[in-house]
Amino acid sequence: MDVLDVANYAMVSILVGVALAWVFLLKSMITSFRETPLLDRFDAKECGMPMVSVILPARNEEGFIEKCLDSLADQDYQNYEIIAIDDSSEDGTGRIIAEYAKDNPRIVHVSARPKPDGWMGKNWACMEGVRAARGELFLFTDSDTRHSRSVISLAVSHLLSLGLDALTVIPKMNCLDSWTKITLPVLSTFLHTRFSALRVNDPTKKTGYFFGSFFVIRRQVYEKVGMHEGVRGEIIEDGALGKKVKESGFKMKMVRGDHLIDAVWARDWSTLWHALKRLMIPLYLQNGKVAAGVFSAVLFLLFMPYAFLAYSSALLFYSESFQVLFAASLASSALLYTAGILDARELGIKPRYALCGPAGSLIVVGGFLFGLIHAKSNAAVSWRGRAYSMKDHTQNSISV
């Protein structure tokens, strides 16, 4: 047996581990699909109608905010207000909010003061909105999110009927470009494991997470966990806030609402790339060695089966070790493809995009790698027209 055969069999052992990992991931994904509770299925009780303040931060959102405001203004819930915050926008966002506020007394137009040093923009805008809010419950949402007419009523009734302190809803993720359609099915397989609703809803697990596109929280709970001021430097502020709520012992729940809420995860290549970098930067800033380990795991889970498959097929008849490697890599790649196709179906993405799995895997791995490389640069990530340096920011949105 020569050195090449030894290397091939070493790769085979790695791929066996990768295949087993994908069996586990597939099982977790299917369980999550089946068992995650729904926003509109619960034992409703008579709970009254407390005042709800919808906190809607917006920066450079002129292409999206009108549809969002239309959906929020048309809710069947009676006791609510919409705090729409213009976060120093450089487009027509502020003008649009002002026009809506003029025509609808529910809508309160807030012009955020300039962002102080040490704050992420969205976190500052949320705090500016909270200062103007009168509600007993806060509902945080995003400007590129659209809501069905009954969603506030359902969310409030669900939270109060079950005696919850916070409720977050998984929306339907709308993909506006082909790059996101190729990438999201690959990426979201991990969301069904590490950040699944089943983990969030299990009081014995430490996992706490909010979807920034929709979460409701009691005002006093929000204040007790430090509000957005307590996560002012967090690049994934919704994850950090959800984590604090769970760790503080409050009762939270994650439910599916993809038939009731639409959100946009990434809009084009640039926002997709920076979104991927944002997922890795908090890990690196907490613990560089652990982040490197996570990246290596992602590399082998998402991309190396395809690389090994191409390598072994090119030299298939060179020796028996290449044939064994081909079989192992084919099995791992098939499991990875299956996961992508299942997730694409759940996301409402056409199967042809899931068939571009190798490209999607490469994009995810590349985005994560650049997140590691640029984590401490002067412009680690750009978001809504702002570039952020993360050098002096501690991150606590994801447990490592």
Protein backbone atom coordinates (compact mmCIF):
# COMPACT_ATOMS: atom_id res chain seq x y z
CA MET A 1 0.00 0.00 0.00
CA ASP A 2 1.58 3.28 -1.07
CA VAL A 3 1.25 6.72 0.52
CA LEU A 4 -1.59 7.68 -1.84
CA ASP A 5 -3.66 4.67 -0.78
CA VAL A 6 -3.09 5.51 2.89
CA ALA A 7 -4.26 9.08 2.24
CA ASN A 8 -7.32 7.83 0.36
CA TYR A 9 -8.38 5.51 3.19
CA ALA A 10 -7.87 8.35 5.67
CA MET A 11 -10.26 10.43 3.54
CA VAL A 12 -12.69 7.50 3.53
CA SER A 13 -12.76 7.45 7.32
CA ILE A 14 -13.48 11.18 7.36
CA LEU A 15 -16.28 10.76 4.84
CA VAL A 16 -17.85 7.98 6.90
CA GLY A 17 -18.04 10.49 9.76
CA VAL A 18 -19.48 13.12 7.41
CA ALA A 19 -22.13 10.67 6.18
CA LEU A 20 -23.13 9.78 9.74
CA ALA A 21 -23.34 13.47 10.58
CA TRP A 22 -25.66 14.04 7.61
CA VAL A 23 -27.87 11.16 8.68
CA PHE A 24 -28.23 12.90 12.04
CA LEU A 25 -28.82 16.30 10.39
CA LEU A 26 -31.48 14.88 8.09
CA LYS A 27 -33.25 13.22 10.99
CA SER A 28 -33.16 16.47 12.98
CA MET A 29 -34.43 18.45 10.00
CA ILE A 30 -37.37 16.15 9.36
CA THR A 31 -38.25 16.12 13.06
CA SER A 32 -38.12 19.92 13.11
CA PHE A 33 -40.39 20.16 10.06
CA ARG A 34 -42.95 17.84 11.66
CA GLU A 35 -42.92 18.95 15.29
CA THR A 36 -42.36 22.70 15.28
CA PRO A 37 -45.59 24.28 16.57
CA LEU A 38 -47.56 26.74 14.45
CA LEU A 39 -48.47 30.31 15.32
CA ASP A 40 -52.17 29.77 14.65
CA ARG A 41 -52.58 26.42 16.42
CA PHE A 42 -52.87 26.69 20.22
CA ASP A 43 -55.48 26.51 22.98
CA ALA A 44 -56.73 30.09 22.98
CA LYS A 45 -58.07 31.71 26.17
CA GLU A 46 -59.80 35.00 26.90
CA CYS A 47 -56.84 37.28 27.56
CA GLY A 48 -57.87 40.84 26.87
CA MET A 49 -56.24 43.18 24.37
CA PRO A 50 -53.12 44.86 25.79
CA MET A 51 -51.50 47.73 23.94
CA VAL A 52 -48.93 46.54 21.38
CA SER A 53 -46.14 48.77 20.11
CA VAL A 54 -44.77 47.57 16.78
CA ILE A 55 -41.12 48.63 16.58
CA LEU A 56 -40.12 49.00 12.93
CA PRO A 57 -36.52 50.18 12.31
CA ALA A 58 -35.73 51.24 8.75
CA ARG A 59 -32.60 52.38 6.96
CA ASN A 60 -32.54 52.81 3.18
CA GLU A 61 -35.71 50.75 2.77
CA GLU A 62 -37.65 52.75 0.17
CA GLY A 63 -38.09 49.66 -1.98
CA PHE A 64 -39.70 47.59 0.78
CA ILE A 65 -41.20 49.70 3.56
CA GLU A 66 -44.47 50.63 1.84
CA LYS A 67 -45.61 47.00 1.58
CA CYS A 68 -44.57 46.42 5.19
CA LEU A 69 -46.48 49.46 6.46
CA ASP A 70 -49.52 48.50 4.38
CA SER A 71 -49.58 45.05 5.97
CA LEU A 72 -49.13 46.44 9.48
CA ALA A 73 -51.73 49.17 9.06
CA ASP A 74 -54.34 46.60 7.97
CA GLN A 75 -54.23 44.40 11.09
CA ASP A 76 -57.46 43.19 12.70
CA TYR A 77 -56.03 43.80 16.19
CA GLN A 78 -57.49 46.99 17.64
CA ASN A 79 -55.11 48.21 20.33
CA TYR A 80 -51.75 48.86 18.70
CA GLU A 81 -49.39 51.50 17.36
CA ILE A 82 -46.63 51.37 14.76
CA ILE A 83 -43.38 53.09 15.71
CA ALA A 84 -41.56 53.51 12.38
CA ILE A 85 -37.98 54.68 12.85
CA ASP A 86 -36.00 56.31 10.06
CA ASP A 87 -32.40 55.38 10.89
CA SER A 88 -30.56 58.20 9.07
CA SER A 89 -31.64 56.88 5.68
CA GLU A 90 -29.98 58.21 2.54
CA ASP A 91 -32.96 57.46 0.29
CA GLY A 92 -36.69 58.18 0.45
CA THR A 93 -37.42 56.04 3.53
CA GLY A 94 -38.00 58.99 5.87
CA ARG A 95 -40.32 60.71 3.39
CA ILE A 96 -42.40 57.54 2.96
CA ILE A 97 -42.77 57.07 6.73
CA ALA A 98 -43.78 60.72 7.12
CA GLU A 99 -46.47 60.38 4.44
CA TYR A 100 -47.90 57.24 6.04
CA ALA A 101 -47.86 58.83 9.50
CA LYS A 102 -49.74 61.86 8.16
CA ASP A 103 -52.52 59.63 6.81
CA ASN A 104 -52.70 57.05 9.62
CA PRO A 105 -52.77 58.08 13.31
CA ARG A 106 -51.52 54.62 14.35
CA ILE A 107 -48.17 55.27 12.71
CA VAL A 108 -45.63 57.28 14.71
CA HIS A 109 -42.70 58.65 12.71
CA VAL A 110 -39.43 58.69 14.66
CA SER A 111 -36.25 60.17 13.19
CA ALA A 112 -33.38 58.45 14.96
CA ARG A 113 -30.62 60.66 16.28
CA PRO A 114 -27.11 60.00 14.89
CA LYS A 115 -25.81 56.58 15.94
CA PRO A 116 -23.37 56.82 18.88
CA ASP A 117 -20.03 55.03 18.78
CA GLY A 118 -20.20 51.43 19.98
CA TRP A 119 -23.70 50.81 18.65
CA MET A 120 -24.82 48.77 15.67
CA GLY A 121 -27.28 50.76 13.59
CA LYS A 122 -30.37 48.59 13.93
CA ASN A 123 -29.88 48.25 17.68
CA TRP A 124 -29.75 52.03 18.06
CA ALA A 125 -32.84 52.50 15.88
CA CYS A 126 -34.78 49.97 17.98
CA MET A 127 -33.88 51.85 21.18
CA GLU A 128 -34.97 55.13 19.61
CA GLY A 129 -38.30 53.52 18.78
CA VAL A 130 -38.75 52.01 22.23
CA ARG A 131 -38.37 55.46 23.80
CA ALA A 132 -41.48 56.57 21.91
CA ALA A 133 -43.49 53.39 22.55
CA ARG A 134 -46.48 53.17 24.91
CA GLY A 135 -47.31 49.47 24.70
CA GLU A 136 -47.35 46.70 27.29
CA LEU A 137 -46.03 44.39 24.57
CA PHE A 138 -43.35 45.15 22.02
CA LEU A 139 -43.44 43.55 18.57
CA PHE A 140 -40.14 43.91 16.70
CA THR A 141 -40.18 43.41 12.95
CA ASP A 142 -38.20 44.38 9.84
CA SER A 143 -39.04 46.72 7.00
CA ASP A 144 -38.79 44.00 4.36
CA THR A 145 -41.36 41.82 6.16
CA ARG A 146 -45.01 41.47 5.20
CA HIS A 147 -47.66 40.33 7.67
CA SER A 148 -51.04 38.67 7.23
CA ARG A 149 -54.01 40.60 8.61
CA SER A 150 -54.44 38.44 11.74
CA VAL A 151 -50.80 38.03 12.74
CA ILE A 152 -50.74 40.51 15.65
CA SER A 153 -53.98 39.06 17.07
CA LEU A 154 -52.60 35.53 16.82
CA ALA A 155 -49.25 36.43 18.32
CA VAL A 156 -50.76 38.26 21.30
CA SER A 157 -53.33 35.55 21.97
CA HIS A 158 -50.68 32.82 21.65
CA LEU A 159 -48.33 34.59 24.05
CA LEU A 160 -50.96 35.40 26.66
CA SER A 161 -52.87 32.11 26.45
CA LEU A 162 -49.73 30.11 27.14
CA GLY A 163 -48.33 32.54 29.71
CA LEU A 164 -45.21 33.25 27.66
CA ASP A 165 -42.76 36.07 28.17
CA ALA A 166 -41.63 36.15 24.53
CA LEU A 167 -42.70 34.61 21.24
CA THR A 168 -40.79 34.54 17.97
CA VAL A 169 -42.11 33.40 14.61
CA ILE A 170 -40.24 31.67 11.78
CA PRO A 171 -41.29 33.47 8.58
CA LYS A 172 -41.28 32.37 4.99
CA MET A 173 -37.90 33.38 3.61
CA ASN A 174 -38.35 35.08 0.25
CA CYS A 175 -35.33 34.84 -2.05
CA LEU A 176 -35.06 37.68 -4.53
CA ASP A 177 -32.03 36.52 -6.51
CA SER A 178 -30.61 33.27 -7.82
CA TRP A 179 -27.54 33.34 -5.55
CA THR A 180 -29.71 33.28 -2.43
CA LYS A 181 -31.94 30.55 -3.87
CA ILE A 182 -28.86 28.40 -4.44
CA THR A 183 -27.34 29.12 -1.03
CA LEU A 184 -30.21 29.23 1.46
CA PRO A 185 -31.20 25.52 1.26
CA VAL A 186 -27.59 24.58 2.05
CA LEU A 187 -27.26 27.03 4.91
CA SER A 188 -30.61 26.50 6.62
CA THR A 189 -29.96 22.80 7.27
CA PHE A 190 -27.97 23.98 10.30
CA LEU A 191 -30.83 26.16 11.54
CA HIS A 192 -32.94 23.02 11.92
CA THR A 193 -30.41 21.63 14.37
CA ARG A 194 -28.49 24.25 16.32
CA PHE A 195 -31.24 26.91 16.34
CA SER A 196 -34.31 24.77 15.83
CA ALA A 197 -37.61 25.60 17.50
CA LEU A 198 -37.43 22.28 19.33
CA ARG A 199 -34.24 23.38 21.09
CA VAL A 200 -35.53 26.88 21.80
CA ASN A 201 -38.79 25.50 23.23
CA ASP A 202 -37.01 22.95 25.43
CA PRO A 203 -36.40 24.52 28.88
CA THR A 204 -33.54 22.06 29.49
CA LYS A 205 -31.60 23.45 26.49
CA LYS A 206 -29.62 26.68 26.59
CA THR A 207 -30.56 27.69 23.06
CA GLY A 208 -32.43 30.98 22.83
CA TYR A 209 -32.97 32.82 19.58
CA PHE A 210 -35.26 35.43 18.05
CA PHE A 211 -36.05 35.93 14.39
CA GLY A 212 -35.57 39.65 13.89
CA SER A 213 -38.40 39.70 11.36
CA PHE A 214 -40.95 38.95 14.10
CA PHE A 215 -40.79 38.60 17.86
CA VAL A 216 -43.12 39.75 20.63
CA ILE A 217 -41.87 40.38 24.14
CA ARG A 218 -43.43 41.73 27.32
CA ARG A 219 -42.19 45.24 28.07
CA GLN A 220 -41.01 44.41 31.59
CA VAL A 221 -39.11 41.35 30.36
CA TYR A 222 -37.45 43.40 27.63
CA GLU A 223 -36.39 45.96 30.22
CA LYS A 224 -35.11 43.31 32.65
CA VAL A 225 -32.77 41.75 30.07
CA GLY A 226 -31.28 45.14 29.25
CA MET A 227 -33.24 46.05 26.10
CA HIS A 228 -31.32 46.65 22.88
CA GLU A 229 -28.89 48.76 24.88
CA GLY A 230 -27.66 45.51 26.45
CA VAL A 231 -26.83 44.14 22.99
CA ARG A 232 -25.82 47.46 21.41
CA GLY A 233 -22.60 46.13 19.88
CA GLU A 234 -23.98 42.78 18.72
CA ILE A 235 -23.91 42.14 14.99
CA ILE A 236 -26.66 39.49 15.35
CA GLU A 237 -28.76 41.40 17.84
CA ASP A 238 -31.89 39.23 17.60
CA GLY A 239 -29.90 36.11 18.47
CA ALA A 240 -28.17 37.89 21.36
CA LEU A 241 -31.44 39.21 22.78
CA GLY A 242 -33.17 35.83 22.50
CA LYS A 243 -30.20 34.20 24.20
CA LYS A 244 -30.42 36.66 27.10
CA VAL A 245 -34.16 36.02 27.51
CA LYS A 246 -33.62 32.25 27.66
CA GLU A 247 -30.61 32.47 29.99
CA SER A 248 -32.53 34.78 32.34
CA GLY A 249 -35.13 32.04 32.90
CA PHE A 250 -38.02 33.66 31.06
CA LYS A 251 -40.51 31.53 29.18
CA MET A 252 -40.06 31.84 25.43
CA LYS A 253 -41.33 29.96 22.42
CA MET A 254 -40.52 29.69 18.72
CA VAL A 255 -43.29 28.80 16.26
CA ARG A 256 -43.71 28.51 12.50
CA GLY A 257 -45.57 31.23 10.68
CA ASP A 258 -44.33 30.82 7.13
CA HIS A 259 -47.94 30.84 5.91
CA LEU A 260 -48.57 34.17 7.67
CA ILE A 261 -45.34 36.19 7.47
CA ASP A 262 -42.96 36.80 4.57
CA ALA A 263 -39.42 38.09 5.10
CA VAL A 264 -36.33 38.64 2.96
CA TRP A 265 -33.07 37.05 4.11
CA ALA A 266 -30.80 38.50 1.41
CA ARG A 267 -31.61 40.75 -1.53
CA ASP A 268 -28.62 40.37 -3.84
CA TRP A 269 -25.08 39.06 -3.97
CA SER A 270 -23.68 41.80 -1.71
CA THR A 271 -26.21 41.37 1.11
CA LEU A 272 -25.91 37.59 0.86
CA TRP A 273 -22.12 37.73 1.16
CA HIS A 274 -22.19 40.05 4.16
CA ALA A 275 -24.97 38.01 5.79
CA LEU A 276 -22.74 34.93 5.63
CA LYS A 277 -19.81 36.88 7.10
CA ARG A 278 -22.07 38.08 9.94
CA LEU A 279 -22.74 34.49 10.97
CA MET A 280 -19.06 33.69 11.48
CA ILE A 281 -17.73 36.96 12.94
CA PRO A 282 -19.42 36.60 16.38
CA LEU A 283 -17.94 33.12 16.77
CA TYR A 284 -14.45 34.34 15.94
CA LEU A 285 -14.66 37.30 18.31
CA GLN A 286 -15.72 35.00 21.16
CA ASN A 287 -13.14 32.30 20.55
CA GLY A 288 -10.91 32.17 17.49
CA LYS A 289 -9.92 28.53 17.94
CA VAL A 290 -13.51 27.37 18.27
CA ALA A 291 -14.51 29.45 15.24
CA ALA A 292 -11.74 27.82 13.21
CA GLY A 293 -13.02 24.42 14.35
CA VAL A 294 -16.56 25.31 13.33
CA PHE A 295 -15.33 26.48 9.95
CA SER A 296 -13.43 23.21 9.42
CA ALA A 297 -16.56 21.23 10.29
CA VAL A 298 -18.64 23.30 7.85
CA LEU A 299 -15.99 22.84 5.16
CA PHE A 300 -16.06 19.05 5.48
CA LEU A 301 -19.82 18.81 5.87
CA LEU A 302 -20.80 21.13 3.03
CA PHE A 303 -18.07 21.04 0.43
CA MET A 304 -15.45 18.32 0.78
CA PRO A 305 -17.77 15.43 -0.22
CA TYR A 306 -18.09 17.06 -3.64
CA ALA A 307 -14.34 17.72 -3.86
CA PHE A 308 -13.50 14.13 -2.91
CA LEU A 309 -16.10 12.86 -5.41
CA ALA A 310 -14.49 14.80 -8.27
CA TYR A 311 -11.00 13.71 -7.22
CA SER A 312 -11.83 10.01 -6.88
CA SER A 313 -13.90 9.82 -10.08
CA ALA A 314 -11.01 11.26 -12.08
CA LEU A 315 -8.73 8.43 -10.88
CA LEU A 316 -11.38 5.77 -10.32
CA PHE A 317 -9.44 2.89 -11.94
CA TYR A 318 -6.01 3.83 -10.64
CA SER A 319 -6.35 1.65 -7.52
CA GLU A 320 -8.94 0.05 -5.26
CA SER A 321 -8.56 2.84 -2.72
CA PHE A 322 -9.93 5.33 -5.25
CA GLN A 323 -13.00 3.13 -5.80
CA VAL A 324 -13.65 2.96 -2.06
CA LEU A 325 -13.16 6.73 -1.79
CA PHE A 326 -15.55 7.25 -4.70
CA ALA A 327 -18.25 5.17 -2.99
CA ALA A 328 -17.83 7.02 0.33
CA SER A 329 -17.85 10.45 -1.29
CA LEU A 330 -20.85 9.53 -3.46
CA ALA A 331 -22.83 8.47 -0.39
CA SER A 332 -21.92 11.67 1.51
CA SER A 333 -22.73 13.86 -1.50
CA ALA A 334 -26.09 12.11 -1.97
CA LEU A 335 -27.03 12.78 1.65
CA LEU A 336 -25.98 16.43 1.29
CA TYR A 337 -28.04 16.76 -1.90
CA THR A 338 -31.04 15.16 -0.19
CA ALA A 339 -30.86 17.67 2.65
CA GLY A 340 -30.71 20.57 0.20
CA ILE A 341 -33.66 19.32 -1.83
CA LEU A 342 -35.80 18.75 1.29
CA ASP A 343 -34.97 22.19 2.62
CA ALA A 344 -35.61 23.85 -0.73
CA ARG A 345 -39.08 22.29 -0.76
CA GLU A 346 -39.82 23.66 2.72
CA LEU A 347 -38.53 27.09 1.69
CA GLY A 348 -40.65 27.10 -1.46
CA ILE A 349 -37.54 27.21 -3.68
CA LYS A 350 -37.69 25.34 -6.98
CA PRO A 351 -35.71 22.06 -6.98
CA ARG A 352 -33.45 23.21 -9.80
CA TYR A 353 -31.75 25.62 -7.40
CA ALA A 354 -31.13 22.83 -4.90
CA LEU A 355 -29.41 20.92 -7.71
CA CYS A 356 -26.77 23.65 -7.68
CA GLY A 357 -25.73 22.37 -4.25
CA PRO A 358 -21.95 22.40 -4.87
CA ALA A 359 -22.11 26.09 -5.85
CA GLY A 360 -24.23 26.90 -2.81
CA SER A 361 -21.84 25.02 -0.55
CA LEU A 362 -18.87 26.89 -2.00
CA ILE A 363 -20.56 30.25 -1.43
CA VAL A 364 -21.34 29.40 2.22
CA VAL A 365 -17.81 28.17 2.88
CA GLY A 366 -16.33 31.20 1.14
CA GLY A 367 -18.51 33.64 3.09
CA PHE A 368 -17.59 31.97 6.37
CA LEU A 369 -13.89 32.02 5.47
CA PHE A 370 -13.94 35.71 4.63
CA GLY A 371 -15.82 36.35 7.88
CA LEU A 372 -12.93 34.78 9.77
CA ILE A 373 -10.32 36.68 7.77
CA HIS A 374 -12.02 40.07 8.05
CA ALA A 375 -13.44 39.76 11.59
CA LYS A 376 -11.05 42.36 13.01
CA SER A 377 -10.65 44.56 9.95
CA ASN A 378 -11.69 48.21 9.84
CA ALA A 379 -14.71 47.28 7.72
CA ALA A 380 -15.50 43.72 8.79
CA VAL A 381 -19.03 43.83 7.44
CA SER A 382 -21.32 46.26 5.62
CA TRP A 383 -25.03 46.50 6.33
CA ARG A 384 -27.63 48.91 4.96
CA GLY A 385 -24.97 51.33 3.74
CA ARG A 386 -22.81 51.29 6.88
CA ALA A 387 -19.44 49.61 7.29
CA TYR A 388 -18.63 48.30 10.76
CA SER A 389 -15.33 47.57 12.45
CA MET A 390 -15.76 44.80 15.04
CA LYS A 391 -12.36 45.25 16.72
CA ASP A 392 -13.75 46.53 20.01
CA HIS A 393 -17.07 44.67 20.01
CA THR A 394 -17.63 41.61 22.15
CA GLN A 395 -20.19 39.23 20.70
CA ASN A 396 -22.52 36.94 22.62
CA SER A 397 -25.22 36.06 20.11
CA ILE A 398 -24.12 32.45 19.59
CA SER A 399 -22.84 30.03 22.23
CA VAL A 400 -19.52 28.42 21.33
